[in-house]
Amino acid sequence: MGPAAGWTQETTGTEVAEAFKSNIKGKTILITGVSPISLGESTALAIARHGPTKLLLASRTELKMAEVADKIAKINPNVKVELIVVDLSSQTDIRTAARKVFHLTDRLDVLINNAAVVTSARSETLEGIELQFGTNHIGHHLLTSLLTPLLLAGAEASGTRGTTRIVNVSSMGYRLSPIRFHDYNFEGKPIPPEEEPPKGIPAHMKPDVAAGRPYYGFTAYGQSKTANILHAVALKERLSSKGVQAFAVHPGSIWTDLSRNLSDDDRKIIEGTSTFWKNQDQGCATTLAAAFDPDLCDAKEAYLSDCHLVDVAGYAKDQAIAERLWQLSEKLTEGKANL
């Protein structure tokens, strides 16, 4: 029985990284969404203490990444840190960033898809996709597909099946919406009952086309977080036989800079959603468990919360739905996982 058996919602990323330090040492790891006051920062700092060969930090603002890189240098000056500027709402930008990654390394051992956006007002990516779905899922789908050759190289070099990992930072917010295949862009198109928000979601917390409100930010966020889980399910199906594991995680309830684009009303709604608020070190614990716990090498399940595998709603684990989302994602990225 591994150390995770005794871990709870209070477990910190520092503790998890210490427990799995031998699994971190010598690894090349890429983390998206790294900036001050973020889970990306706490994840990177916890990893840096234990001798990874290289940390690739990817985010929109180089100056903010540089602040984190300076902190890493103080913790462990021997870690080589590379900064990759990427806007996950631009597929052109993602391809440019992926090319840079190939110039910086010939393998990846762990890819942590941590970046996210949550917003109250509807917006779109440069390709015209609803922003939260387009950034949180489609952006990471494309980036992961582009970097898969490096992950496969990492798996081959490791010699240990399942230690090469892809980790999608999802959320318990997935419970707010399944994938809306008939209206993923929230344009007011009719959708079947199985694509509606689950029963029990208050009326004021979901779209109402009849009332002239085809968009609601938290429903869109929920869809994107469901997509993160289904992405892991599909990746596991495609890559586990080749030595690459994939997981999605709920980091817990944490106040970070992610909430900066929410309205005051939506902030108040979030305030009432949890009885336990994690600090940033606690918030990265489950991500680190998913990335480095050797007991997960052969795990069939795809979702973790508080460092443990847990079950999810059927619409977030169904293989057929995962495959349908994969096909939609390929369509929205023109089916081209090429640089």
Protein backbone atom coordinates (compact mmCIF):
# COMPACT_ATOMS: atom_id res chain seq x y z
CA MET A 1 0.00 0.00 0.00
CA GLY A 2 1.53 3.29 -1.11
CA PRO A 3 1.65 6.62 0.73
CA ALA A 4 -1.50 7.88 -0.99
CA ALA A 5 -3.59 5.60 1.24
CA GLY A 6 -3.43 8.13 4.08
CA TRP A 7 -3.77 11.30 2.05
CA THR A 8 -6.75 13.64 2.46
CA GLN A 9 -7.98 17.01 1.22
CA GLU A 10 -5.38 18.62 3.50
CA THR A 11 -2.42 16.84 1.88
CA THR A 12 0.01 19.25 0.26
CA GLY A 13 1.85 19.11 -3.01
CA THR A 14 5.07 19.44 -1.02
CA GLU A 15 4.23 16.18 0.76
CA VAL A 16 3.30 14.38 -2.46
CA ALA A 17 6.44 15.51 -4.27
CA GLU A 18 8.59 14.42 -1.32
CA ALA A 19 6.94 10.99 -1.33
CA PHE A 20 7.61 10.52 -5.04
CA LYS A 21 10.92 12.36 -5.33
CA SER A 22 12.64 9.36 -6.90
CA ASN A 23 9.98 9.43 -9.65
CA ILE A 24 10.61 13.14 -10.27
CA LYS A 25 14.41 13.06 -10.40
CA GLY A 26 15.77 13.23 -13.93
CA LYS A 27 12.39 13.79 -15.60
CA THR A 28 11.55 16.32 -18.32
CA ILE A 29 8.20 17.91 -17.51
CA LEU A 30 6.02 20.45 -19.29
CA ILE A 31 3.39 22.43 -17.38
CA THR A 32 0.89 24.81 -18.99
CA GLY A 33 -0.65 27.78 -17.22
CA VAL A 34 2.31 28.81 -15.09
CA SER A 35 2.12 32.24 -13.52
CA PRO A 36 2.29 33.73 -10.03
CA ILE A 37 -0.67 32.92 -7.74
CA SER A 38 -1.62 29.87 -9.77
CA LEU A 39 -1.71 26.10 -9.46
CA GLY A 40 0.85 26.02 -12.24
CA GLU A 41 3.28 27.87 -10.01
CA SER A 42 2.74 25.66 -6.96
CA THR A 43 3.02 22.54 -9.13
CA ALA A 44 6.30 23.73 -10.66
CA LEU A 45 7.82 24.73 -7.32
CA ALA A 46 6.95 21.41 -5.68
CA ILE A 47 8.52 19.49 -8.57
CA ALA A 48 11.63 21.69 -8.74
CA ARG A 49 12.77 20.68 -5.26
CA HIS A 50 13.47 17.13 -6.35
CA GLY A 51 15.82 17.34 -9.29
CA PRO A 52 13.93 17.13 -12.57
CA THR A 53 16.29 17.45 -15.50
CA LYS A 54 14.19 20.08 -17.22
CA LEU A 55 11.03 22.06 -16.51
CA LEU A 56 9.26 23.54 -19.52
CA LEU A 57 6.87 26.28 -18.44
CA ALA A 58 4.20 27.29 -20.95
CA SER A 59 1.87 30.24 -20.56
CA ARG A 60 0.70 33.44 -22.25
CA THR A 61 2.93 35.97 -20.50
CA GLU A 62 6.69 35.55 -20.48
CA LEU A 63 7.22 38.09 -17.69
CA LYS A 64 4.92 36.17 -15.35
CA MET A 65 6.61 32.87 -16.17
CA ALA A 66 9.96 34.50 -15.51
CA GLU A 67 8.81 35.35 -11.97
CA VAL A 68 8.14 31.67 -11.36
CA ALA A 69 11.43 30.70 -12.98
CA ASP A 70 13.25 33.03 -10.55
CA LYS A 71 11.60 31.24 -7.62
CA ILE A 72 12.62 27.87 -9.07
CA ALA A 73 16.22 29.08 -9.38
CA LYS A 74 16.25 29.94 -5.68
CA ILE A 75 14.83 26.55 -4.72
CA ASN A 76 17.07 24.49 -7.02
CA PRO A 77 19.50 26.34 -9.32
CA ASN A 78 20.43 23.05 -11.00
CA VAL A 79 17.06 22.66 -12.71
CA LYS A 80 17.08 23.79 -16.32
CA VAL A 81 13.98 25.93 -16.93
CA GLU A 82 12.67 26.84 -20.36
CA LEU A 83 9.89 29.35 -21.02
CA ILE A 84 7.41 28.83 -23.84
CA VAL A 85 4.97 31.60 -24.67
CA VAL A 86 1.67 30.16 -25.86
CA ASP A 87 -1.91 31.34 -26.06
CA LEU A 88 -4.07 28.22 -25.93
CA SER A 89 -6.94 30.09 -27.56
CA SER A 90 -4.90 30.30 -30.79
CA GLN A 91 -4.21 27.10 -32.70
CA THR A 92 -1.51 28.86 -34.72
CA ASP A 93 0.18 29.84 -31.47
CA ILE A 94 -0.07 26.27 -30.17
CA ARG A 95 1.68 24.88 -33.23
CA THR A 96 4.42 27.48 -32.90
CA ALA A 97 4.89 26.58 -29.23
CA ALA A 98 4.99 22.86 -30.02
CA ARG A 99 7.75 23.44 -32.57
CA LYS A 100 9.76 25.20 -29.87
CA VAL A 101 9.27 22.27 -27.49
CA PHE A 102 10.72 19.93 -30.14
CA HIS A 103 13.77 22.20 -30.35
CA LEU A 104 14.21 22.13 -26.58
CA THR A 105 13.91 18.42 -25.88
CA ASP A 106 13.80 15.04 -27.56
CA ARG A 107 11.42 13.53 -24.97
CA LEU A 108 8.75 14.37 -22.44
CA ASP A 109 8.12 12.30 -19.34
CA VAL A 110 5.16 14.24 -17.98
CA LEU A 111 2.76 16.71 -19.61
CA ILE A 112 0.58 18.63 -17.17
CA ASN A 113 -2.27 20.42 -18.94
CA ASN A 114 -3.01 22.87 -16.16
CA ALA A 115 -3.97 26.11 -17.94
CA ALA A 116 -7.60 27.21 -17.89
CA VAL A 117 -9.90 30.15 -18.27
CA VAL A 118 -13.25 30.76 -16.61
CA THR A 119 -15.41 33.68 -17.58
CA SER A 120 -18.92 34.99 -17.05
CA ALA A 121 -19.26 36.64 -20.46
CA ARG A 122 -19.25 34.68 -23.70
CA SER A 123 -16.15 35.06 -25.83
CA GLU A 124 -14.47 33.08 -28.61
CA THR A 125 -11.06 31.79 -29.57
CA LEU A 126 -9.37 33.04 -32.71
CA GLU A 127 -10.96 30.09 -34.53
CA GLY A 128 -14.47 31.07 -33.40
CA ILE A 129 -14.88 28.40 -30.71
CA GLU A 130 -16.50 29.32 -27.39
CA LEU A 131 -13.54 30.45 -25.28
CA GLN A 132 -13.71 28.06 -22.33
CA PHE A 133 -14.23 24.95 -24.45
CA GLY A 134 -11.75 26.20 -27.04
CA THR A 135 -9.01 26.98 -24.53
CA ASN A 136 -9.49 24.51 -21.69
CA HIS A 137 -10.09 21.51 -23.92
CA ILE A 138 -9.50 22.10 -27.64
CA GLY A 139 -6.24 23.96 -27.01
CA HIS A 140 -4.92 21.19 -24.79
CA HIS A 141 -6.20 18.49 -27.16
CA LEU A 142 -4.17 20.00 -29.98
CA LEU A 143 -1.07 20.62 -27.86
CA THR A 144 -1.15 17.07 -26.49
CA SER A 145 -1.56 15.59 -29.97
CA LEU A 146 1.36 17.61 -31.28
CA LEU A 147 3.59 16.56 -28.38
CA THR A 148 2.60 12.89 -28.37
CA PRO A 149 5.76 11.80 -30.28
CA LEU A 150 7.85 13.26 -27.44
CA LEU A 151 5.73 11.44 -24.85
CA LEU A 152 6.13 8.17 -26.73
CA ALA A 153 9.88 8.79 -26.80
CA GLY A 154 9.77 9.35 -23.05
CA ALA A 155 7.88 6.11 -22.53
CA GLU A 156 10.35 4.17 -24.65
CA ALA A 157 13.33 5.65 -22.81
CA SER A 158 11.87 5.09 -19.34
CA GLY A 159 11.56 1.36 -19.70
CA THR A 160 8.82 1.36 -17.07
CA ARG A 161 5.30 1.09 -18.38
CA GLY A 162 2.91 3.79 -17.22
CA THR A 163 5.37 6.23 -15.67
CA THR A 164 5.09 8.58 -18.65
CA ARG A 165 1.98 10.62 -17.89
CA ILE A 166 -0.49 13.15 -19.26
CA VAL A 167 -2.43 14.97 -16.55
CA ASN A 168 -5.41 17.19 -17.35
CA VAL A 169 -6.45 19.55 -14.57
CA SER A 170 -10.23 19.28 -14.63
CA SER A 171 -12.70 20.18 -11.87
CA MET A 172 -15.66 18.85 -9.95
CA GLY A 173 -17.37 21.58 -11.94
CA TYR A 174 -17.73 18.95 -14.68
CA ARG A 175 -21.01 18.12 -12.93
CA LEU A 176 -22.50 21.32 -14.35
CA SER A 177 -22.69 20.05 -17.92
CA PRO A 178 -22.09 17.11 -20.24
CA ILE A 179 -20.69 17.79 -23.72
CA ARG A 180 -23.23 19.77 -25.75
CA PHE A 181 -22.46 18.18 -29.11
CA HIS A 182 -25.45 19.89 -30.73
CA ASP A 183 -24.51 23.34 -29.39
CA TYR A 184 -20.97 23.26 -27.93
CA ASN A 185 -20.58 26.89 -29.02
CA PHE A 186 -23.63 28.08 -27.07
CA GLU A 187 -25.38 29.66 -30.04
CA GLY A 188 -28.88 28.83 -28.84
CA LYS A 189 -29.33 25.71 -30.96
CA PRO A 190 -31.71 23.02 -29.64
CA ILE A 191 -30.03 20.16 -27.81
CA PRO A 192 -31.34 16.75 -26.70
CA PRO A 193 -32.15 16.10 -23.01
CA GLU A 194 -28.93 14.15 -22.40
CA GLU A 195 -26.91 17.25 -23.26
CA GLU A 196 -28.78 19.52 -20.87
CA PRO A 197 -27.27 20.37 -17.46
CA PRO A 198 -27.97 17.51 -15.02
CA LYS A 199 -31.10 17.53 -12.90
CA GLY A 200 -30.76 19.54 -9.72
CA ILE A 201 -28.82 22.44 -11.25
CA PRO A 202 -30.71 25.63 -10.26
CA ALA A 203 -32.48 27.37 -13.12
CA HIS A 204 -30.44 30.54 -12.65
CA MET A 205 -27.24 28.50 -13.14
CA LYS A 206 -27.87 27.27 -16.67
CA PRO A 207 -28.68 28.70 -20.10
CA ASP A 208 -32.26 29.66 -20.90
CA VAL A 209 -32.76 30.13 -24.64
CA ALA A 210 -36.43 31.04 -24.24
CA ALA A 211 -35.45 33.87 -21.90
CA GLY A 212 -32.84 35.14 -24.32
CA ARG A 213 -29.89 33.73 -22.39
CA PRO A 214 -28.33 31.00 -24.55
CA TYR A 215 -25.03 31.31 -22.67
CA TYR A 216 -24.14 30.81 -19.05
CA GLY A 217 -20.48 30.88 -18.06
CA PHE A 218 -20.54 28.09 -15.49
CA THR A 219 -22.34 25.71 -17.88
CA ALA A 220 -19.65 26.42 -20.46
CA TYR A 221 -16.96 25.87 -17.84
CA GLY A 222 -18.60 22.60 -16.83
CA GLN A 223 -18.61 21.42 -20.43
CA SER A 224 -14.91 22.19 -20.76
CA LYS A 225 -14.08 20.32 -17.55
CA THR A 226 -16.11 17.29 -18.67
CA ALA A 227 -14.10 17.45 -21.87
CA ASN A 228 -10.85 17.35 -19.87
CA ILE A 229 -11.94 14.06 -18.28
CA LEU A 230 -13.14 12.52 -21.55
CA HIS A 231 -9.87 13.60 -23.17
CA ALA A 232 -8.00 11.58 -20.54
CA VAL A 233 -10.32 8.61 -21.15
CA ALA A 234 -9.60 8.76 -24.89
CA LEU A 235 -5.86 9.20 -24.37
CA LYS A 236 -5.76 6.22 -22.04
CA GLU A 237 -7.51 4.12 -24.69
CA ARG A 238 -5.03 5.21 -27.37
CA LEU A 239 -1.74 5.37 -25.49
CA SER A 240 -1.73 3.07 -22.46
CA SER A 241 -0.61 0.10 -24.55
CA LYS A 242 2.34 2.23 -25.65
CA GLY A 243 3.40 3.01 -22.08
CA VAL A 244 1.72 6.40 -21.59
CA GLN A 245 -0.87 6.88 -18.85
CA ALA A 246 -3.47 9.67 -18.77
CA PHE A 247 -5.52 11.14 -15.93
CA ALA A 248 -7.78 14.06 -15.15
CA VAL A 249 -7.88 15.58 -11.67
CA HIS A 250 -10.06 17.71 -9.45
CA PRO A 251 -7.59 19.94 -7.58
CA GLY A 252 -10.17 21.04 -4.99
CA SER A 253 -11.67 24.42 -4.22
CA ILE A 254 -8.92 27.02 -4.40
CA TRP A 255 -8.95 30.78 -4.89
CA THR A 256 -6.42 31.66 -7.58
CA ASP A 257 -6.04 34.30 -10.25
CA LEU A 258 -8.26 32.08 -12.45
CA SER A 259 -11.38 33.81 -11.11
CA ARG A 260 -10.34 37.26 -12.34
CA ASN A 261 -12.84 37.23 -15.25
CA LEU A 262 -15.91 36.37 -13.19
CA SER A 263 -18.73 38.79 -12.43
CA ASP A 264 -19.42 39.75 -8.81
CA ASP A 265 -22.56 37.59 -8.85
CA ASP A 266 -20.63 34.56 -10.10
CA ARG A 267 -17.93 35.11 -7.50
CA LYS A 268 -20.61 34.98 -4.82
CA ILE A 269 -21.93 31.72 -6.25
CA ILE A 270 -18.45 30.19 -6.06
CA GLU A 271 -18.04 31.32 -2.47
CA GLY A 272 -20.93 29.08 -1.49
CA THR A 273 -19.75 25.94 -3.29
CA SER A 274 -17.29 24.55 -0.73
CA THR A 275 -16.83 24.06 2.98
CA PHE A 276 -13.08 23.52 2.63
CA TRP A 277 -10.84 25.84 0.66
CA LYS A 278 -7.38 24.59 -0.18
CA ASN A 279 -4.28 26.73 -0.31
CA GLN A 280 -2.16 26.53 -3.46
CA ASP A 281 0.18 23.88 -2.06
CA GLN A 282 -2.78 21.67 -1.21
CA GLY A 283 -4.33 22.47 -4.57
CA CYS A 284 -1.49 20.92 -6.57
CA ALA A 285 -1.32 17.70 -4.53
CA THR A 286 -3.69 15.66 -6.68
CA THR A 287 -1.99 16.78 -9.89
CA LEU A 288 1.34 15.58 -8.52
CA ALA A 289 -0.14 12.27 -7.39
CA ALA A 290 -1.56 11.71 -10.87
CA ALA A 291 1.79 12.58 -12.42
CA PHE A 292 4.11 10.50 -10.21
CA ASP A 293 2.35 7.89 -8.06
CA PRO A 294 3.75 4.52 -9.23
CA ASP A 295 0.64 2.73 -7.95
CA LEU A 296 -1.25 4.33 -10.85
CA CYS A 297 0.87 2.80 -13.62
CA ASP A 298 -1.82 0.26 -14.52
CA ALA A 299 -4.89 2.20 -13.36
CA LYS A 300 -7.97 1.78 -15.55
CA GLU A 301 -9.83 4.73 -14.03
CA ALA A 302 -9.07 8.22 -15.30
CA TYR A 303 -10.13 10.68 -12.56
CA LEU A 304 -8.61 11.62 -9.21
CA SER A 305 -9.72 13.83 -6.34
CA ASP A 306 -7.77 14.37 -3.10
CA CYS A 307 -5.00 12.14 -4.52
CA HIS A 308 -7.30 9.11 -4.95
CA LEU A 309 -9.06 7.57 -7.93
CA VAL A 310 -12.79 8.29 -7.76
CA ASP A 311 -15.77 7.60 -9.98
CA VAL A 312 -17.49 10.17 -12.19
CA ALA A 313 -20.88 10.54 -13.87
CA GLY A 314 -21.50 8.31 -16.86
CA TYR A 315 -21.33 11.16 -19.36
CA ALA A 316 -17.76 11.88 -18.24
CA LYS A 317 -16.38 8.34 -18.60
CA ASP A 318 -18.32 6.69 -21.42
CA GLN A 319 -15.90 5.43 -24.09
CA ALA A 320 -18.32 6.16 -26.92
CA ILE A 321 -18.79 9.76 -25.75
CA ALA A 322 -15.03 10.13 -25.35
CA GLU A 323 -14.54 8.93 -28.93
CA ARG A 324 -17.24 11.28 -30.19
CA LEU A 325 -15.52 14.18 -28.46
CA TRP A 326 -12.19 13.12 -29.95
CA GLN A 327 -13.66 13.22 -33.43
CA LEU A 328 -15.21 16.65 -32.80
CA SER A 329 -11.88 17.90 -31.44
CA GLU A 330 -10.06 16.62 -34.51
CA LYS A 331 -12.59 18.41 -36.71
CA LEU A 332 -12.17 21.67 -34.80
CA THR A 333 -8.38 21.47 -35.15
CA GLU A 334 -8.71 20.44 -38.81
CA GLY A 335 -7.57 16.94 -37.89
CA LYS A 336 -3.99 18.01 -38.21
CA ALA A 337 -1.65 17.07 -35.40
CA ASN A 338 1.28 18.32 -37.43
CA LEU A 339 3.69 21.14 -36.71
